Each structure stands twice: as C-alpha cells, then as structure tokens.
Amino acid sequence: MDTWLHPHLFHMGFSTGAPPDYFDANGQNWGFPTYNWEAMAADGYAWWRARLSKLAACAPAGATRGRPGPPRIPRQRSGGRGPSGLCSERQHWATAR
C-alpha cells in the first residue's frame, strides 16, 4: 500500500531478493521495491518516523529485533529471474542502501 501512496519513496525499477549462495545458485527475487533513501532524507524521513511511531504504539519497547539502522537488502532489476534472465549471476546484485 505504501508504494501506491508514496511511490517517490521507493525504487520501483528494482526489487529485493537474495543474491546467489550455497542454497540457491540463482538467487531469489522477492519482488518488493527497494527504498529511495535520498527521497526519504529530503523530507526528514517523515515516512519512517510515522511508521516507527505506529510500531511503537503497537509493540512493547524492545520488541523489535535486528540491528539498528536502515536495513541492507540485496536488490536486482525488476523482472530479473535466475537462469532465464538478467540477474542470475552474483555481480548483477547490489546491496540497497
């Protein structure tokens, strides 16, 4: 829903996934767009502040897991698929930031 309401905050031409590894030589395309950190910074991260505020109202303090800071998610060009397409090799993957 956020991508429809705030498309400028996302890189719609990229999708998240997992790069090739021991378990899947082709990697995985999860199909979610990546964040546009430059656009988010331009408005003082208002979308993130609103999102985290809502999360804080719903979850007890300390209930979130993971490392602090923005997530680092591998990405590839949208439509990339393992052996049949564009992003089947490790060098085609980049870490979103």
C-alpha atoms as a PDB file:
ATOM      1  CA  MET A   1       0.000   0.000   0.000  1.00  0.00           C
ATOM      2  CA  ASP A   2       2.841   2.412   0.828  1.00  0.00           C
ATOM      3  CA  THR A   3       4.273   2.038  -2.661  1.00  0.00           C
ATOM      4  CA  TRP A   4       0.947   3.176  -4.139  1.00  0.00           C
ATOM      5  CA  LEU A   5       0.579   6.105  -1.753  1.00  0.00           C
ATOM      6  CA  HIS A   6       4.233   7.203  -1.809  1.00  0.00           C
ATOM      7  CA  PRO A   7       5.848   5.827  -4.990  1.00  0.00           C
ATOM      8  CA  HIS A   8       8.560   8.520  -4.916  1.00  0.00           C
ATOM      9  CA  LEU A   9       9.910   6.922  -1.718  1.00  0.00           C
ATOM     10  CA  PHE A  10      10.709   3.646  -3.471  1.00  0.00           C
ATOM     11  CA  HIS A  11      12.856   2.494  -6.389  1.00  0.00           C
ATOM     12  CA  MET A  12      10.088   0.854  -8.378  1.00  0.00           C
ATOM     13  CA  GLY A  13      12.558  -0.330 -11.058  1.00  0.00           C
ATOM     14  CA  PHE A  14      14.363  -2.580  -8.575  1.00  0.00           C
ATOM     15  CA  SER A  15      13.185  -5.482  -6.465  1.00  0.00           C
ATOM     16  CA  THR A  16      14.556  -7.079  -3.329  1.00  0.00           C
ATOM     17  CA  GLY A  17      15.803 -10.599  -3.053  1.00  0.00           C
ATOM     18  CA  ALA A  18      18.698 -12.751  -2.031  1.00  0.00           C
ATOM     19  CA  PRO A  19      21.893 -12.998  -4.047  1.00  0.00           C
ATOM     20  CA  PRO A  20      23.104 -16.376  -5.282  1.00  0.00           C
ATOM     21  CA  ASP A  21      24.503 -18.534  -2.500  1.00  0.00           C
ATOM     22  CA  TYR A  22      25.107 -22.134  -1.459  1.00  0.00           C
ATOM     23  CA  PHE A  23      21.373 -22.840  -1.129  1.00  0.00           C
ATOM     24  CA  ASP A  24      20.240 -21.305  -4.432  1.00  0.00           C
ATOM     25  CA  ALA A  25      22.755 -20.668  -7.214  1.00  0.00           C
ATOM     26  CA  ASN A  26      20.274 -18.374  -8.969  1.00  0.00           C
ATOM     27  CA  GLY A  27      19.384 -16.188  -6.005  1.00  0.00           C
ATOM     28  CA  GLN A  28      15.820 -15.179  -5.232  1.00  0.00           C
ATOM     29  CA  ASN A  29      13.631 -12.339  -6.455  1.00  0.00           C
ATOM     30  CA  TRP A  30      11.163 -11.402  -3.723  1.00  0.00           C
ATOM     31  CA  GLY A  31       9.505  -8.742  -5.858  1.00  0.00           C
ATOM     32  CA  PHE A  32       9.414  -5.901  -3.307  1.00  0.00           C
ATOM     33  CA  PRO A  33      10.698  -2.464  -4.422  1.00  0.00           C
ATOM     34  CA  THR A  34      13.685  -1.004  -2.575  1.00  0.00           C
ATOM     35  CA  TYR A  35      13.742   2.218  -0.571  1.00  0.00           C
ATOM     36  CA  ASN A  36      14.696   5.538  -2.151  1.00  0.00           C
ATOM     37  CA  TRP A  37      16.848   6.796   0.721  1.00  0.00           C
ATOM     38  CA  GLU A  38      17.615  10.111  -0.984  1.00  0.00           C
ATOM     39  CA  ALA A  39      13.901  10.967  -1.263  1.00  0.00           C
ATOM     40  CA  MET A  40      13.314   9.853   2.321  1.00  0.00           C
ATOM     41  CA  ALA A  41      16.162  12.041   3.566  1.00  0.00           C
ATOM     42  CA  ALA A  42      14.762  15.037   1.675  1.00  0.00           C
ATOM     43  CA  ASP A  43      11.651  15.135   3.883  1.00  0.00           C
ATOM     44  CA  GLY A  44      13.461  14.295   7.096  1.00  0.00           C
ATOM     45  CA  TYR A  45      12.450  10.620   6.974  1.00  0.00           C
ATOM     46  CA  ALA A  46       8.813  11.515   7.700  1.00  0.00           C
ATOM     47  CA  TRP A  47       7.566   8.178   6.334  1.00  0.00           C
ATOM     48  CA  TRP A  48       9.916   6.241   8.622  1.00  0.00           C
ATOM     49  CA  ARG A  49       9.099   8.408  11.629  1.00  0.00           C
ATOM     50  CA  ALA A  50       5.365   7.829  11.101  1.00  0.00           C
ATOM     51  CA  ARG A  51       5.927   4.103  10.568  1.00  0.00           C
ATOM     52  CA  LEU A  52       8.078   3.713  13.693  1.00  0.00           C
ATOM     53  CA  SER A  53       5.660   5.804  15.735  1.00  0.00           C
ATOM     54  CA  LYS A  54       2.839   3.449  14.760  1.00  0.00           C
ATOM     55  CA  LEU A  55       5.020   0.434  15.557  1.00  0.00           C
ATOM     56  CA  ALA A  56       5.893   1.867  18.974  1.00  0.00           C
ATOM     57  CA  ALA A  57       2.185   2.268  19.743  1.00  0.00           C
ATOM     58  CA  CYS A  58       1.552  -1.380  18.842  1.00  0.00           C
ATOM     59  CA  ALA A  59       4.643  -3.137  20.227  1.00  0.00           C
ATOM     60  CA  PRO A  60       6.247  -3.012  23.647  1.00  0.00           C
ATOM     61  CA  ALA A  61       9.653  -1.325  23.886  1.00  0.00           C
ATOM     62  CA  GLY A  62      12.461  -3.600  22.793  1.00  0.00           C
ATOM     63  CA  ALA A  63      10.165  -5.991  20.955  1.00  0.00           C
ATOM     64  CA  THR A  64      11.722  -5.313  17.568  1.00  0.00           C
ATOM     65  CA  ARG A  65      14.655  -7.481  16.567  1.00  0.00           C
ATOM     66  CA  GLY A  66      17.623  -6.965  14.316  1.00  0.00           C
ATOM     67  CA  ARG A  67      20.406  -4.470  14.104  1.00  0.00           C
ATOM     68  CA  PRO A  68      19.801  -0.748  14.449  1.00  0.00           C
ATOM     69  CA  GLY A  69      19.820   1.479  11.408  1.00  0.00           C
ATOM     70  CA  PRO A  70      18.334   1.176   7.938  1.00  0.00           C
ATOM     71  CA  PRO A  71      18.035  -2.329   6.539  1.00  0.00           C
ATOM     72  CA  ARG A  72      20.531  -3.521   3.923  1.00  0.00           C
ATOM     73  CA  ILE A  73      18.627  -5.589   1.400  1.00  0.00           C
ATOM     74  CA  PRO A  74      20.040  -7.114  -1.784  1.00  0.00           C
ATOM     75  CA  ARG A  75      18.326  -5.836  -4.912  1.00  0.00           C
ATOM     76  CA  GLN A  76      18.185  -6.543  -8.644  1.00  0.00           C
ATOM     77  CA  ARG A  77      16.483  -5.007 -11.647  1.00  0.00           C
ATOM     78  CA  SER A  78      12.757  -5.792 -11.637  1.00  0.00           C
ATOM     79  CA  GLY A  79      11.866  -8.853 -13.634  1.00  0.00           C
ATOM     80  CA  GLY A  80      15.233 -10.497 -13.033  1.00  0.00           C
ATOM     81  CA  ARG A  81      14.918 -14.238 -12.752  1.00  0.00           C
ATOM     82  CA  GLY A  82      17.516 -16.896 -12.087  1.00  0.00           C
ATOM     83  CA  PRO A  83      18.700 -18.968 -15.034  1.00  0.00           C
ATOM     84  CA  SER A  84      16.381 -17.415 -17.591  1.00  0.00           C
ATOM     85  CA  GLY A  85      17.185 -13.783 -17.100  1.00  0.00           C
ATOM     86  CA  LEU A  86      19.116 -10.757 -16.212  1.00  0.00           C
ATOM     87  CA  CYS A  87      20.256 -11.216 -12.667  1.00  0.00           C
ATOM     88  CA  SER A  88      21.373 -14.793 -12.461  1.00  0.00           C
ATOM     89  CA  GLU A  89      24.985 -14.037 -11.594  1.00  0.00           C
ATOM     90  CA  ARG A  90      26.363 -12.631  -8.377  1.00  0.00           C
ATOM     91  CA  GLN A  91      27.811  -9.477  -9.945  1.00  0.00           C
ATOM     92  CA  HIS A  92      24.352  -8.329 -11.038  1.00  0.00           C
ATOM     93  CA  TRP A  93      23.219  -7.983  -7.427  1.00  0.00           C
ATOM     94  CA  ALA A  94      23.807  -4.830  -5.435  1.00  0.00           C
ATOM     95  CA  THR A  95      23.091  -4.091  -1.812  1.00  0.00           C
ATOM     96  CA  ALA A  96      20.376  -1.465  -1.499  1.00  0.00           C
ATOM     97  CA  ARG A  97      21.104   1.408   0.792  1.00  0.00           C
END
